[in-house]
Amino acid sequence: MKSIARILLVGAVAMTAVGFASVPSQAAKKAEPVACVPGLVCTAKCKGTACKVNACNYQGKWTAAYWTPTCTQPYCPPAKC
């Protein structure tokens, strides 16, 4: 009876180890990019007081703004990319 209990215990431990090993870690999962709404603008990278401005295009992707590709603080869009 003890040998059957040991076999079942070893099997349960092995199955638990396999289960934890097969689960992908949070670091391995890629974060999905945030979809944007066409027409929105945001402040991307700032260097001193000059910042780059991104705009959401018709495909839902962030690209450099066409009319105002740069801005100066504090006149930049409030949203950060």
N, C-alpha and C. Protein backbone atom coordinates (compact mmCIF):
# COMPACT_ATOMS: atom_id res chain seq x y z
N MET A 1 0.82 -1.19 0.00
CA MET A 1 0.00 0.00 0.00
C MET A 1 0.86 1.26 0.00
N LYS A 2 1.98 1.20 0.78
CA LYS A 2 2.86 2.37 0.82
C LYS A 2 3.53 2.60 -0.52
N SER A 3 3.86 1.54 -1.23
CA SER A 3 4.52 1.70 -2.52
C SER A 3 3.58 2.34 -3.54
N ILE A 4 2.33 2.01 -3.51
CA ILE A 4 1.35 2.62 -4.42
C ILE A 4 1.19 4.11 -4.10
N ALA A 5 1.17 4.45 -2.82
CA ALA A 5 1.06 5.85 -2.42
C ALA A 5 2.29 6.63 -2.87
N ARG A 6 3.47 6.03 -2.79
CA ARG A 6 4.70 6.71 -3.23
C ARG A 6 4.68 6.93 -4.74
N ILE A 7 4.24 5.93 -5.49
CA ILE A 7 4.16 6.06 -6.94
C ILE A 7 3.20 7.18 -7.32
N LEU A 8 2.05 7.22 -6.66
CA LEU A 8 1.07 8.28 -6.94
C LEU A 8 1.62 9.66 -6.57
N LEU A 9 2.35 9.75 -5.47
CA LEU A 9 2.94 11.02 -5.06
C LEU A 9 3.99 11.49 -6.06
N VAL A 10 4.86 10.57 -6.48
CA VAL A 10 5.89 10.92 -7.47
C VAL A 10 5.23 11.35 -8.78
N GLY A 11 4.19 10.66 -9.18
CA GLY A 11 3.47 11.02 -10.41
C GLY A 11 2.83 12.40 -10.31
N ALA A 12 2.24 12.70 -9.16
CA ALA A 12 1.61 14.00 -8.97
C ALA A 12 2.64 15.12 -9.00
N VAL A 13 3.78 14.90 -8.37
CA VAL A 13 4.85 15.91 -8.38
C VAL A 13 5.37 16.11 -9.80
N ALA A 14 5.55 15.02 -10.54
CA ALA A 14 6.04 15.12 -11.91
C ALA A 14 5.04 15.86 -12.80
N MET A 15 3.77 15.58 -12.65
CA MET A 15 2.75 16.26 -13.46
C MET A 15 2.68 17.75 -13.12
N THR A 16 2.86 18.09 -11.86
CA THR A 16 2.87 19.50 -11.45
C THR A 16 4.07 20.21 -12.06
N ALA A 17 5.23 19.56 -12.06
CA ALA A 17 6.44 20.16 -12.64
C ALA A 17 6.27 20.37 -14.14
N VAL A 18 5.69 19.41 -14.82
CA VAL A 18 5.45 19.53 -16.26
C VAL A 18 4.46 20.65 -16.54
N GLY A 19 3.45 20.76 -15.70
CA GLY A 19 2.45 21.82 -15.87
C GLY A 19 3.05 23.20 -15.71
N PHE A 20 3.90 23.40 -14.72
CA PHE A 20 4.54 24.70 -14.52
C PHE A 20 5.55 25.00 -15.62
N ALA A 21 6.22 23.99 -16.13
CA ALA A 21 7.22 24.21 -17.16
C ALA A 21 6.58 24.59 -18.49
N SER A 22 5.37 24.11 -18.74
CA SER A 22 4.74 24.38 -20.02
C SER A 22 4.01 25.72 -20.08
N VAL A 23 3.80 26.36 -18.95
CA VAL A 23 3.13 27.66 -18.92
C VAL A 23 4.13 28.74 -19.30
N PRO A 24 3.82 29.57 -20.32
CA PRO A 24 4.77 30.62 -20.68
C PRO A 24 4.85 31.69 -19.60
N SER A 25 6.04 32.22 -19.41
CA SER A 25 6.20 33.25 -18.38
C SER A 25 5.63 34.57 -18.87
N GLN A 26 5.40 35.48 -17.95
CA GLN A 26 4.87 36.79 -18.29
C GLN A 26 5.86 37.57 -19.13
N ALA A 27 7.16 37.37 -18.90
CA ALA A 27 8.17 38.08 -19.67
C ALA A 27 8.22 37.59 -21.11
N ALA A 28 7.88 36.33 -21.33
CA ALA A 28 7.92 35.78 -22.67
C ALA A 28 6.75 36.25 -23.53
N LYS A 29 5.65 36.60 -22.89
CA LYS A 29 4.49 37.06 -23.63
C LYS A 29 4.77 38.45 -24.17
N LYS A 30 4.44 38.67 -25.42
CA LYS A 30 4.62 39.99 -26.01
C LYS A 30 3.40 40.83 -25.69
N ALA A 31 3.67 42.07 -25.33
CA ALA A 31 2.59 42.99 -25.08
C ALA A 31 2.04 43.46 -26.42
N GLU A 32 0.74 43.40 -26.56
CA GLU A 32 0.13 43.84 -27.80
C GLU A 32 0.17 45.37 -27.86
N PRO A 33 0.52 45.90 -29.01
CA PRO A 33 0.54 47.36 -29.12
C PRO A 33 -0.86 47.94 -28.97
N VAL A 34 -0.91 49.09 -28.36
CA VAL A 34 -2.19 49.73 -28.13
C VAL A 34 -2.69 50.31 -29.44
N ALA A 35 -3.90 49.94 -29.81
CA ALA A 35 -4.48 50.46 -31.04
C ALA A 35 -4.83 51.92 -30.85
N CYS A 36 -4.68 52.69 -31.90
CA CYS A 36 -4.98 54.11 -31.79
C CYS A 36 -6.18 54.45 -32.64
N VAL A 37 -6.78 55.59 -32.37
CA VAL A 37 -7.92 56.07 -33.11
C VAL A 37 -7.40 57.10 -34.12
N PRO A 38 -7.71 56.94 -35.41
CA PRO A 38 -7.20 57.87 -36.41
C PRO A 38 -7.52 59.32 -36.05
N GLY A 39 -6.50 60.17 -36.17
CA GLY A 39 -6.65 61.58 -35.89
C GLY A 39 -6.06 62.01 -34.56
N LEU A 40 -5.79 61.07 -33.65
CA LEU A 40 -5.21 61.42 -32.36
C LEU A 40 -3.72 61.71 -32.51
N VAL A 41 -3.22 62.60 -31.67
CA VAL A 41 -1.78 62.90 -31.65
C VAL A 41 -1.25 62.68 -30.25
N CYS A 42 0.05 62.40 -30.15
CA CYS A 42 0.67 62.21 -28.86
C CYS A 42 2.13 62.63 -28.93
N THR A 43 2.72 62.89 -27.76
CA THR A 43 4.12 63.26 -27.65
C THR A 43 4.95 62.00 -27.51
N ALA A 44 5.97 61.84 -28.37
CA ALA A 44 6.77 60.62 -28.34
C ALA A 44 8.05 60.82 -27.56
N LYS A 45 9.11 61.21 -28.20
CA LYS A 45 10.41 61.34 -27.55
C LYS A 45 10.75 62.81 -27.36
N CYS A 46 11.20 63.16 -26.16
CA CYS A 46 11.59 64.54 -25.87
C CYS A 46 13.10 64.61 -25.65
N LYS A 47 13.70 65.63 -26.17
CA LYS A 47 15.12 65.89 -25.97
C LYS A 47 15.23 67.36 -25.58
N GLY A 48 15.38 67.61 -24.30
CA GLY A 48 15.35 68.98 -23.80
C GLY A 48 13.92 69.50 -23.82
N THR A 49 13.69 70.59 -24.52
CA THR A 49 12.33 71.12 -24.63
C THR A 49 11.68 70.75 -25.95
N ALA A 50 12.43 70.16 -26.90
CA ALA A 50 11.87 69.76 -28.19
C ALA A 50 11.40 68.31 -28.11
N CYS A 51 10.20 68.08 -28.62
CA CYS A 51 9.63 66.73 -28.60
C CYS A 51 9.15 66.36 -29.99
N LYS A 52 9.14 65.06 -30.27
CA LYS A 52 8.57 64.56 -31.51
C LYS A 52 7.10 64.28 -31.29
N VAL A 53 6.30 64.53 -32.30
CA VAL A 53 4.86 64.32 -32.22
C VAL A 53 4.47 63.20 -33.17
N ASN A 54 3.70 62.24 -32.67
CA ASN A 54 3.17 61.16 -33.49
C ASN A 54 1.68 61.34 -33.68
N ALA A 55 1.19 60.86 -34.83
CA ALA A 55 -0.24 60.91 -35.12
C ALA A 55 -0.69 59.51 -35.52
N CYS A 56 -1.93 59.21 -35.25
CA CYS A 56 -2.50 57.92 -35.62
C CYS A 56 -3.01 58.01 -37.06
N ASN A 57 -2.51 57.13 -37.94
CA ASN A 57 -2.94 57.18 -39.33
C ASN A 57 -4.21 56.37 -39.55
N TYR A 58 -4.67 56.32 -40.78
CA TYR A 58 -5.93 55.65 -41.10
C TYR A 58 -5.87 54.14 -40.89
N GLN A 59 -4.66 53.56 -40.82
CA GLN A 59 -4.50 52.12 -40.59
C GLN A 59 -4.48 51.77 -39.11
N GLY A 60 -4.53 52.77 -38.23
CA GLY A 60 -4.48 52.52 -36.80
C GLY A 60 -3.08 52.34 -36.27
N LYS A 61 -2.07 52.92 -36.93
CA LYS A 61 -0.68 52.81 -36.50
C LYS A 61 -0.13 54.20 -36.23
N TRP A 62 0.78 54.29 -35.26
CA TRP A 62 1.40 55.58 -34.93
C TRP A 62 2.51 55.87 -35.93
N THR A 63 2.48 57.08 -36.51
CA THR A 63 3.52 57.55 -37.41
C THR A 63 3.86 58.99 -37.04
N ALA A 64 4.94 59.51 -37.63
CA ALA A 64 5.32 60.90 -37.36
C ALA A 64 4.21 61.82 -37.88
N ALA A 65 3.90 62.84 -37.12
CA ALA A 65 2.85 63.78 -37.53
C ALA A 65 3.29 64.52 -38.79
N TYR A 66 2.36 64.75 -39.69
CA TYR A 66 2.68 65.35 -40.97
C TYR A 66 2.82 66.87 -40.87
N TRP A 67 1.87 67.53 -40.25
CA TRP A 67 1.88 69.00 -40.20
C TRP A 67 2.81 69.54 -39.12
N THR A 68 2.82 68.92 -37.97
CA THR A 68 3.68 69.39 -36.88
C THR A 68 4.47 68.21 -36.32
N PRO A 69 5.59 67.85 -36.96
CA PRO A 69 6.34 66.68 -36.49
C PRO A 69 7.10 66.93 -35.19
N THR A 70 7.28 68.20 -34.79
CA THR A 70 7.95 68.51 -33.52
C THR A 70 7.15 69.57 -32.78
N CYS A 71 7.41 69.66 -31.48
CA CYS A 71 6.78 70.68 -30.65
C CYS A 71 7.76 71.08 -29.56
N THR A 72 7.48 72.17 -28.90
CA THR A 72 8.31 72.60 -27.77
C THR A 72 7.46 72.60 -26.51
N GLN A 73 8.08 72.23 -25.42
CA GLN A 73 7.38 72.22 -24.13
C GLN A 73 7.04 73.65 -23.74
N PRO A 74 5.97 73.98 -23.21
CA PRO A 74 4.82 73.21 -22.73
C PRO A 74 3.69 73.12 -23.74
N TYR A 75 3.97 73.32 -25.03
CA TYR A 75 2.92 73.36 -26.05
C TYR A 75 2.74 72.04 -26.77
N CYS A 76 3.19 70.96 -26.19
CA CYS A 76 3.05 69.63 -26.78
C CYS A 76 1.72 69.00 -26.38
N PRO A 77 1.25 68.02 -27.17
CA PRO A 77 0.04 67.31 -26.79
C PRO A 77 0.22 66.63 -25.43
N PRO A 78 -0.84 66.58 -24.62
CA PRO A 78 -0.70 66.03 -23.26
C PRO A 78 -0.48 64.52 -23.24
N ALA A 79 -0.97 63.80 -24.24
CA ALA A 79 -0.85 62.34 -24.23
C ALA A 79 0.57 61.92 -24.57
N LYS A 80 1.07 60.89 -23.85
CA LYS A 80 2.40 60.31 -24.12
C LYS A 80 2.22 59.01 -24.89
N CYS A 81 3.11 58.75 -25.83
CA CYS A 81 3.06 57.51 -26.62
C CYS A 81 3.86 56.43 -25.92
